[in-house]
Amino acid sequence: MGERRRLDLFLNVGHTLDHLLLLIFPTVVLAIAAQWRRPYAELLPLATGAFFAFGAGSLPAGWLADRWSRTGMIKVFFFGIGGATVLTGLATGPVSLAIGLTLIGVFASIYHPVGIAMLVSEKPNVGRTLGVNGVYGNAGLAFAALLAGALADLIHWRAAFFVPGLLTIGIGIAFVATVREAPRPAAVARKADVRFPRALLARVFAVLCVAVISNGVIFNATTVSMPKVFDERLKALTDTTLGIGLLVCITYLIAAMAQLVVGGLIDRRPLKGVFVAVLLAQVPLLFAAATLSNYGMLAVAVVMMFAVFGQIPINDAMVARYTAEEWRARAYALRYVVSFVGSAAALPLVAYIYGRTGDFQALFVLLAGLAALALAAALAFPGERATAAVAPAVR
């Protein structure tokens, strides 16, 4: 295997682990709540620090990567998040559990600004690259629910943290042993870079902010709540933590293919058209999820998550297309700070709405409204003609 392919494989696996380790808790919390005899709405907010750190840590991670070493930061990611996950499995109460989850978020924040910047470096068409990487990330989401549910049911909820945490440390050792230091970003040739006018970049940034905040809230609210939604809405299909985890896993694995589909479309079609189409699908699907149950809920959940996951490579392609190589990690850091601040707000939002209403109907109606707002922003995104007029070399 060539060195570049080996690096890409480690980066893709890192994306899987990043989401897997961060999303163990939303499934395991069902088992912890039963053992500690505490309500779900009380325990779920313990992960708020993790999602806040997931966003806030992106800026220093991106800055260090561009100024120090992207490869070095990925090493810190593997060992840091693996160790933090093992530590979380040792929690003896809500305080130590919250501290462990927050540490997972701190190290998880490294991956997106650094790993994505490394993946798209020196690649003219990034759609397929981002699509494949997205599938790996979504596999982490999917198997987080399945692995956590299986280990919690068959062994103990602590094993749901110990096993993947130790596996991640092992992969980090393999990364150190087989991957050489990547060149400094400033030393990478920038033949394809195009400098855009500030007015166009401001317009793109404004649209991107609205899109990533809304997508951050929608993505996190749906992925965090899905195990509990299935627990309550799919009683006719399963009544075990493992069964819930399996259904969530199947849903996410099918939806993961959206990133391959959308990634391919990005390379062949105008970015704005793909952007608008994905959001047009999200609005009615999120609204429909407010009231459905059993087979109807399962079917809508699959298509809904397909549309939600499909937006991710679009957001990343915007950054890749409109930023220069030497500061791209910092650009991705800013993109993910904005996104994950929305993600952090989603968790207490889910807990609050569920605590007040006892169900998820109001949550999905609210998420449909956010998708409609993002759709309005997407319509203001510059089209191919506007971009070509100021930068003819850019697709």
Foldseek 3Di string as FASTA:
>chain_A
DDQLVVLLVLLLLLLLLLQLLLQLCLLLVVLVCVVVVHDPLVQLLLLLLLLLLLQVLLQVLLVCCQVPALLVLVLCLLLQLLVLLLQCLVDDDSVSVSVSSNSNSNSSSNNFLRSLLSQCPPPQQCLQSQLSSLLSNLLSLLVSQQLQQVCCVPPNNSVSRNVSSVVSNVSSVVSVVRHDTDDRLVPRDFVLDDAFDPVQVVLLVVLLLLQLLLLLLLVLLCSSCQLVQCCPFAVVQDNGSNSSSNLSNVLSNLLSNLSNVLSVCVRPDKLLVSLLVLLVQQQVLLLVCLDHGHPVNSVSSSSNSSSSSNCVSSSVVSLVQHDTRSSSSSVSSVSSSSNSVSNSVNSNVSSVVCVVPVHCNVVSNVSSVSSVSSSVSSVSNDIPVVVCVRPVSGD
